Amino acid sequence: MLGRGVDQIMPHPSEPTLHESYVRNALDYVALAERASGGIARPVAPAYVWGDALAELERRRPAVRIINLETSITSSDSPWPKGINYRMHPGNAPCIAAAGIDCCVLANNHVIDWEREGLIETLDTLRRARIDTAGAGADLASAQAPAILPLAGEARVLVFAAATDDSGVPESWAAGADRPGVQYLPDLSATTISQIAVEVQRHRRSRDVVVFSLHWGGNWDYEISPQQRAFAHGLIDTAGVDVVYGHSSHHVKAIEVYEERLILYGCGDFLNDYEGIMGHDEYRDDLGFMYFPVIDAATGRLLELNLIPTRILHFRVNRAEDDDRGWLLATLRRECRDFGCDVTEASDGAFAVSWDLSGP
């Protein structure tokens, strides 16, 4: 979530006026963070917000780097009338490139915060930065199409992305035949899975790893509904998806390994501007993970999953330490237990996820 308060500390802050019920200036979010945690010297360098994540990326050198970009990148001054509107100035887009991001999934509830004009500028800005996108486009075909990320040899990663209404995405944001928008899922039915399967098979070839990004569910709840679980399983069984990449909740949720495929039901917030805001403290929206799955490109099987615990502080990503690590470990172990997974401390500072192949 690189907009609003985070955008204000960068070299090219947007005009800070907001249209929220209680906060009218994005700089107020900076002031809240500084009151809670100390001053932030600004403007910050483009790489600043990634903090300790950069060293971890350099150490592990993942083949592809994918994020859910939950903001519009635009200079538009026409907010969608929804109450909370995120935007990052196009001049601050180098902060995304600073982490070597390969793909931004855009099917979420903030990408059209500044009308369709803002979405088009977001797409154009990322295209100029040579960063692929998925889940939103100038029309339905482009919103449904995957980002195609080449790997060594003939292997590729295909990234599809979609959103549901319970994550705050209105049906009016759905892309149409000649209307910009997001890939919007009307429901989590077998029919919807079958339609996704058609799109996946249209693009898939041998040695492709298929990632399906889902912005779904509410902000504050650990529960995984039976419908969500059945849908994730259906994406794997019917549509041939290898990784279900779920997000929307502001906190981490359960992980499942189903048919040797990875399901992340909710990745939480990697970065936000909530520092200093009170409420929902029991969910610790300041804590999250970097997710490093190792996948066999020939089969799509999950071979290994390591997590790097993180904490948002001073509007940047920091390593989670001591009690914060303990809280994350205990919480994820509790939430994963019913899904046949366990989480343990690894020697390199990561958490290692293990799973029961026989299922929960």
Protein backbone atom coordinates (compact mmCIF):
# COMPACT_ATOMS: atom_id res chain seq x y z
CA MET A 1 0.00 0.00 0.00
CA LEU A 2 2.37 2.67 -1.32
CA GLY A 3 -0.20 5.47 -1.46
CA ARG A 4 -1.51 8.08 0.93
CA GLY A 5 0.89 8.48 3.89
CA VAL A 6 3.71 6.44 2.34
CA ASP A 7 3.50 8.51 -0.86
CA GLN A 8 3.91 11.68 1.21
CA ILE A 9 7.43 10.79 2.40
CA MET A 10 8.74 10.13 -1.11
CA PRO A 11 10.43 12.64 -3.44
CA HIS A 12 7.24 13.47 -5.40
CA PRO A 13 4.30 13.46 -2.98
CA SER A 14 0.79 13.76 -4.38
CA GLU A 15 -1.40 16.71 -3.44
CA PRO A 16 -2.33 15.55 0.08
CA THR A 17 -6.05 16.37 0.18
CA LEU A 18 -8.15 13.36 1.19
CA HIS A 19 -11.88 12.72 1.04
CA GLU A 20 -12.24 10.61 4.18
CA SER A 21 -14.71 11.18 6.98
CA TYR A 22 -12.10 11.91 9.68
CA VAL A 23 -8.78 12.60 7.94
CA ARG A 24 -8.58 15.33 5.32
CA ASN A 25 -4.84 15.41 4.68
CA ALA A 26 -2.50 12.52 3.91
CA LEU A 27 0.24 14.20 5.94
CA ASP A 28 -1.83 13.46 9.05
CA TYR A 29 -0.96 9.77 8.56
CA VAL A 30 2.73 10.68 8.53
CA ALA A 31 2.23 12.66 11.73
CA LEU A 32 0.49 9.70 13.41
CA ALA A 33 3.40 7.41 12.51
CA GLU A 34 5.99 9.89 13.72
CA ARG A 35 4.12 10.42 16.97
CA ALA A 36 4.11 6.67 17.56
CA SER A 37 7.61 5.75 16.40
CA GLY A 38 9.75 8.85 15.89
CA GLY A 39 10.64 11.12 13.01
CA ILE A 40 11.01 10.08 9.38
CA ALA A 41 13.60 12.15 7.52
CA ARG A 42 12.10 12.99 4.16
CA PRO A 43 12.10 12.87 1.25
CA VAL A 44 13.29 9.29 1.39
CA ALA A 45 15.20 7.49 -1.36
CA PRO A 46 13.16 5.27 -3.74
CA ALA A 47 14.47 2.08 -2.10
CA TYR A 48 13.73 3.27 1.45
CA VAL A 49 10.32 1.63 1.92
CA TRP A 50 11.71 -1.86 1.25
CA GLY A 51 14.14 -1.62 4.14
CA ASP A 52 15.52 -4.99 5.24
CA ALA A 53 13.63 -6.77 2.46
CA LEU A 54 16.26 -5.70 -0.07
CA ALA A 55 19.05 -7.64 1.63
CA GLU A 56 16.82 -10.71 1.85
CA LEU A 57 15.95 -10.48 -1.84
CA GLU A 58 19.62 -10.15 -2.70
CA ARG A 59 20.47 -13.17 -0.55
CA ARG A 60 17.76 -15.46 -1.87
CA ARG A 61 17.57 -14.14 -5.46
CA PRO A 62 14.05 -15.41 -6.26
CA ALA A 63 13.37 -16.18 -9.91
CA VAL A 64 10.37 -13.84 -9.93
CA ARG A 65 9.12 -11.13 -7.56
CA ILE A 66 5.35 -10.56 -7.36
CA ILE A 67 3.42 -8.06 -5.24
CA ASN A 68 -0.19 -6.98 -4.84
CA LEU A 69 0.04 -3.24 -5.53
CA GLU A 70 -2.87 -1.83 -3.57
CA THR A 71 -2.83 1.75 -4.79
CA SER A 72 -3.41 3.74 -7.93
CA ILE A 73 -0.37 5.42 -9.48
CA THR A 74 -1.79 8.65 -10.80
CA SER A 75 -1.88 12.44 -10.67
CA SER A 76 -5.66 12.39 -11.18
CA ASP A 77 -7.69 14.61 -8.86
CA SER A 78 -10.99 12.81 -9.50
CA PRO A 79 -11.60 10.42 -6.59
CA TRP A 80 -14.03 7.55 -6.88
CA PRO A 81 -16.72 8.36 -4.25
CA LYS A 82 -15.83 5.55 -1.85
CA GLY A 83 -14.41 7.31 1.20
CA ILE A 84 -10.84 6.02 1.29
CA ASN A 85 -8.71 6.64 -1.78
CA TYR A 86 -5.09 5.57 -2.23
CA ARG A 87 -2.76 7.05 -4.81
CA MET A 88 0.96 7.29 -5.36
CA HIS A 89 2.41 10.00 -7.59
CA PRO A 90 3.80 8.61 -10.88
CA GLY A 91 7.10 10.29 -10.04
CA ASN A 92 7.48 7.87 -7.13
CA ALA A 93 7.16 4.73 -9.28
CA PRO A 94 10.94 4.12 -9.09
CA CYS A 95 10.34 2.80 -5.57
CA ILE A 96 8.74 -0.31 -7.12
CA ALA A 97 11.60 -0.82 -9.55
CA ALA A 98 14.06 -0.40 -6.66
CA ALA A 99 13.08 -3.84 -5.38
CA GLY A 100 13.30 -5.47 -8.81
CA ILE A 101 9.58 -6.26 -8.86
CA ASP A 102 8.61 -8.28 -11.92
CA CYS A 103 4.82 -8.21 -11.62
CA CYS A 104 2.21 -6.09 -9.84
CA VAL A 105 -1.20 -7.70 -9.48
CA LEU A 106 -3.83 -4.96 -9.67
CA ALA A 107 -7.16 -6.70 -9.05
CA ASN A 108 -7.90 -5.09 -5.69
CA ASN A 109 -10.10 -2.46 -4.07
CA HIS A 110 -7.80 0.55 -4.47
CA VAL A 111 -6.58 0.41 -8.07
CA ILE A 112 -9.54 2.48 -9.39
CA ASP A 113 -9.68 4.84 -6.40
CA TRP A 114 -9.08 7.72 -8.81
CA GLU A 115 -11.52 6.66 -11.51
CA ARG A 116 -10.66 4.75 -14.66
CA GLU A 117 -8.38 7.59 -15.71
CA GLY A 118 -6.24 6.72 -12.69
CA LEU A 119 -6.22 3.03 -13.63
CA ILE A 120 -5.04 3.79 -17.17
CA GLU A 121 -2.26 6.01 -15.81
CA THR A 122 -1.29 3.23 -13.39
CA LEU A 123 -1.01 0.74 -16.24
CA ASP A 124 0.95 3.18 -18.40
CA THR A 125 3.34 4.07 -15.57
CA LEU A 126 4.12 0.41 -14.81
CA ARG A 127 4.51 -0.38 -18.51
CA ARG A 128 7.06 2.42 -18.89
CA ALA A 129 8.90 1.00 -15.87
CA ARG A 130 8.88 -2.43 -17.60
CA ILE A 131 6.92 -4.01 -14.78
CA ASP A 132 4.27 -6.53 -15.81
CA THR A 133 0.72 -6.35 -14.52
CA ALA A 134 -2.16 -8.77 -14.05
CA GLY A 135 -5.80 -8.51 -13.08
CA ALA A 136 -6.64 -5.11 -14.56
CA GLY A 137 -6.50 -3.64 -18.01
CA ALA A 138 -7.98 -1.42 -20.69
CA ASP A 139 -10.64 -4.05 -21.40
CA LEU A 140 -11.83 -7.46 -20.21
CA ALA A 141 -9.41 -9.42 -22.38
CA SER A 142 -6.39 -7.62 -20.96
CA ALA A 143 -7.71 -7.87 -17.38
CA GLN A 144 -8.12 -11.64 -17.77
CA ALA A 145 -4.78 -12.19 -19.50
CA PRO A 146 -1.83 -13.32 -17.41
CA ALA A 147 1.46 -11.61 -16.87
CA ILE A 148 4.02 -13.92 -18.46
CA LEU A 149 7.34 -14.05 -16.63
CA PRO A 150 10.10 -16.09 -18.30
CA LEU A 151 12.33 -18.41 -16.31
CA ALA A 152 15.47 -20.30 -17.30
CA GLY A 153 15.05 -22.59 -20.27
CA GLU A 154 11.49 -22.91 -21.53
CA ALA A 155 9.80 -22.46 -18.15
CA ARG A 156 7.54 -19.51 -17.38
CA VAL A 157 5.40 -18.16 -14.55
CA LEU A 158 1.88 -17.14 -15.58
CA VAL A 159 0.24 -14.72 -13.14
CA PHE A 160 -3.54 -14.31 -13.28
CA ALA A 161 -5.40 -12.02 -10.86
CA ALA A 162 -9.01 -11.40 -9.88
CA ALA A 163 -11.07 -9.83 -7.09
CA THR A 164 -14.39 -10.44 -5.35
CA ASP A 165 -16.98 -8.05 -3.98
CA ASP A 166 -16.44 -9.05 -0.34
CA SER A 167 -12.96 -7.47 -0.51
CA GLY A 168 -14.52 -4.09 -1.27
CA VAL A 169 -14.36 -4.23 -5.06
CA PRO A 170 -17.65 -2.97 -6.54
CA GLU A 171 -19.12 -4.75 -9.54
CA SER A 172 -18.96 -1.43 -11.40
CA TRP A 173 -15.16 -1.80 -11.43
CA ALA A 174 -15.40 -4.92 -13.59
CA ALA A 175 -13.62 -4.65 -16.93
CA GLY A 176 -15.84 -4.89 -20.00
CA ALA A 177 -15.40 -5.51 -23.69
CA ASP A 178 -14.45 -1.86 -24.18
CA ARG A 179 -14.27 -0.64 -20.56
CA PRO A 180 -11.15 -0.48 -18.38
CA GLY A 181 -11.37 -2.31 -15.08
CA VAL A 182 -10.40 -5.34 -13.04
CA GLN A 183 -11.11 -9.01 -13.47
CA TYR A 184 -14.14 -9.28 -11.18
CA LEU A 185 -15.43 -12.63 -9.99
CA PRO A 186 -19.23 -12.67 -9.55
CA ASP A 187 -19.06 -15.59 -7.12
CA LEU A 188 -16.98 -18.57 -6.01
CA SER A 189 -19.01 -21.14 -7.91
CA ALA A 190 -18.00 -24.13 -10.01
CA THR A 191 -19.09 -22.14 -13.07
CA THR A 192 -16.61 -19.39 -12.23
CA ILE A 193 -13.86 -21.99 -11.79
CA SER A 194 -14.69 -23.48 -15.19
CA GLN A 195 -14.45 -20.05 -16.82
CA ILE A 196 -11.07 -19.47 -15.20
CA ALA A 197 -9.93 -22.91 -16.39
CA VAL A 198 -10.67 -21.91 -19.98
CA GLU A 199 -8.49 -18.81 -19.65
CA VAL A 200 -5.66 -20.72 -17.98
CA GLN A 201 -5.62 -23.41 -20.63
CA ARG A 202 -5.72 -20.79 -23.37
CA HIS A 203 -2.30 -19.55 -22.26
CA ARG A 204 -0.66 -22.47 -20.49
CA ARG A 205 2.03 -24.62 -22.03
CA SER A 206 4.42 -27.25 -20.75
CA ARG A 207 6.67 -26.17 -17.85
CA ASP A 208 4.49 -23.19 -16.93
CA VAL A 209 3.88 -22.46 -13.25
CA VAL A 210 0.44 -20.88 -12.82
CA VAL A 211 -0.17 -18.35 -10.03
CA PHE A 212 -3.71 -17.14 -9.40
CA SER A 213 -3.94 -13.98 -7.28
CA LEU A 214 -7.20 -13.47 -5.36
CA HIS A 215 -8.24 -10.30 -3.55
CA TRP A 216 -11.01 -11.73 -1.42
CA GLY A 217 -12.64 -11.59 2.00
CA GLY A 218 -12.82 -8.95 4.70
CA ASN A 219 -10.11 -6.99 6.45
CA TRP A 220 -10.18 -8.47 9.96
CA ASP A 221 -11.01 -12.15 10.34
CA TYR A 222 -8.98 -15.35 10.54
CA GLU A 223 -11.83 -17.57 9.35
CA ILE A 224 -11.48 -19.35 6.01
CA SER A 225 -14.98 -20.00 4.75
CA PRO A 226 -15.90 -23.40 3.25
CA GLN A 227 -16.64 -21.57 0.00
CA GLN A 228 -13.15 -20.05 -0.13
CA ARG A 229 -11.50 -23.36 0.58
CA ALA A 230 -13.59 -25.19 -2.03
CA PHE A 231 -12.79 -22.46 -4.56
CA ALA A 232 -9.05 -22.66 -3.91
CA HIS A 233 -9.18 -26.45 -4.26
CA GLY A 234 -11.21 -26.10 -7.45
CA LEU A 235 -8.64 -23.73 -8.96
CA ILE A 236 -6.06 -26.47 -8.45
CA ASP A 237 -8.19 -29.47 -9.42
CA THR A 238 -10.04 -27.97 -12.39
CA ALA A 239 -8.11 -24.93 -13.59
CA GLY A 240 -4.61 -26.35 -13.12
CA VAL A 241 -3.42 -23.56 -10.82
CA ASP A 242 -0.17 -24.22 -8.94
CA VAL A 243 -0.18 -21.32 -6.45
CA VAL A 244 -3.25 -19.61 -5.01
CA TYR A 245 -2.06 -16.20 -3.81
CA GLY A 246 -4.74 -14.74 -1.55
CA HIS A 247 -4.84 -11.31 0.06
CA SER A 248 -7.17 -8.57 1.33
CA SER A 249 -7.07 -9.10 5.10
CA HIS A 250 -4.68 -6.69 6.83
CA HIS A 251 -3.14 -9.61 8.72
CA VAL A 252 -1.68 -13.00 7.87
CA LYS A 253 -4.00 -15.98 7.55
CA ALA A 254 -3.66 -19.74 7.17
CA ILE A 255 -1.51 -21.61 4.66
CA GLU A 256 -2.53 -24.89 3.09
CA VAL A 257 -0.76 -27.34 0.81
CA TYR A 258 -3.36 -29.18 -1.26
CA GLU A 259 -2.40 -31.79 -3.84
CA GLU A 260 1.19 -30.55 -3.35
CA ARG A 261 0.13 -27.05 -4.44
CA LEU A 262 0.45 -23.92 -2.31
CA ILE A 263 -2.55 -21.96 -1.04
CA LEU A 264 -1.92 -18.67 0.75
CA TYR A 265 -5.34 -17.69 2.07
CA GLY A 266 -4.24 -14.24 3.22
CA CYS A 267 -0.74 -12.74 3.07
CA GLY A 268 -1.48 -9.69 5.22
CA ASP A 269 -0.02 -6.22 4.66
CA PHE A 270 3.63 -6.09 3.67
CA LEU A 271 3.57 -2.29 3.87
CA ASN A 272 0.87 0.17 4.90
CA ASP A 273 0.47 3.62 6.48
CA TYR A 274 -1.43 2.44 9.57
CA GLU A 275 1.43 3.09 12.00
CA GLY A 276 0.04 4.96 14.99
CA ILE A 277 -3.60 4.17 14.21
CA MET A 278 -5.38 2.48 17.08
CA GLY A 279 -7.83 -0.40 16.72
CA HIS A 280 -7.69 -4.07 15.76
CA ASP A 281 -4.44 -4.33 17.72
CA GLU A 282 -5.00 -8.03 18.35
CA TYR A 283 -4.46 -8.74 14.63
CA ARG A 284 -1.05 -6.97 14.41
CA ASP A 285 -1.39 -5.51 10.93
CA ASP A 286 2.20 -4.26 11.29
CA LEU A 287 3.54 -7.82 11.12
CA GLY A 288 3.82 -9.91 7.97
CA PHE A 289 6.04 -12.11 5.85
CA MET A 290 8.09 -12.35 2.73
CA TYR A 291 6.96 -15.62 1.10
CA PHE A 292 9.61 -17.72 -0.66
CA PRO A 293 8.12 -20.87 -2.22
CA VAL A 294 10.31 -23.25 -4.20
CA ILE A 295 8.29 -24.90 -6.95
CA ASP A 296 9.17 -27.63 -9.43
CA ALA A 297 8.56 -25.99 -12.80
CA ALA A 298 8.09 -29.37 -14.47
CA THR A 299 5.22 -30.43 -12.21
CA GLY A 300 4.02 -27.36 -10.29
CA ARG A 301 4.65 -29.19 -6.99
CA LEU A 302 5.63 -27.18 -3.93
CA LEU A 303 9.04 -28.38 -2.79
CA GLU A 304 9.78 -25.92 0.00
CA LEU A 305 8.30 -22.82 1.64
CA ASN A 306 10.23 -20.35 3.76
CA LEU A 307 8.87 -17.19 5.36
CA ILE A 308 10.81 -14.13 6.49
CA PRO A 309 9.02 -12.39 9.39
CA THR A 310 8.68 -8.62 8.90
CA ARG A 311 7.46 -5.57 10.78
CA ILE A 312 6.35 -2.20 9.42
CA LEU A 313 8.11 0.62 11.26
CA HIS A 314 8.82 4.18 10.05
CA PHE A 315 6.89 3.34 6.86
CA ARG A 316 9.45 0.73 5.82
CA VAL A 317 9.86 -3.05 5.99
CA ASN A 318 12.02 -4.26 8.89
CA ARG A 319 12.94 -7.70 10.14
CA ALA A 320 10.60 -8.80 12.91
CA GLU A 321 12.55 -9.62 16.05
CA ASP A 322 12.04 -11.21 19.49
CA ASP A 323 8.43 -10.95 20.71
CA ASP A 324 7.16 -9.99 17.25
CA ARG A 325 8.68 -13.14 15.75
CA GLY A 326 7.20 -15.18 18.57
CA TRP A 327 3.75 -13.71 17.99
CA LEU A 328 3.90 -14.46 14.26
CA LEU A 329 5.11 -18.00 14.84
CA ALA A 330 2.44 -18.81 17.40
CA THR A 331 -0.34 -17.21 15.35
CA LEU A 332 0.55 -18.93 12.10
CA ARG A 333 1.00 -22.30 13.78
CA ARG A 334 -2.45 -21.92 15.33
CA GLU A 335 -4.11 -20.93 12.05
CA CYS A 336 -2.35 -23.58 9.94
CA ARG A 337 -3.02 -26.48 12.27
CA ASP A 338 -6.45 -27.29 10.82
CA PHE A 339 -4.99 -27.20 7.31
CA GLY A 340 -2.33 -29.83 7.87
CA CYS A 341 0.64 -27.45 8.04
CA ASP A 342 3.15 -26.59 10.73
CA VAL A 343 5.66 -23.75 11.04
CA THR A 344 9.04 -23.92 12.76
CA GLU A 345 12.10 -21.73 13.23
CA ALA A 346 14.84 -22.31 10.66
CA SER A 347 18.56 -21.79 11.23
CA ASP A 348 18.81 -18.88 8.77
CA GLY A 349 16.26 -16.69 10.56
CA ALA A 350 13.34 -17.79 8.40
CA PHE A 351 10.30 -19.82 9.36
CA ALA A 352 10.01 -23.16 7.56
CA VAL A 353 6.59 -24.52 6.63
CA SER A 354 6.00 -28.28 6.62
CA TRP A 355 2.91 -30.16 5.58
CA ASP A 356 1.26 -33.54 5.88
CA LEU A 357 0.93 -35.10 2.44
CA SER A 358 -1.97 -37.20 3.68
CA GLY A 359 -3.95 -33.98 4.26
CA PRO A 360 -5.60 -32.53 7.38
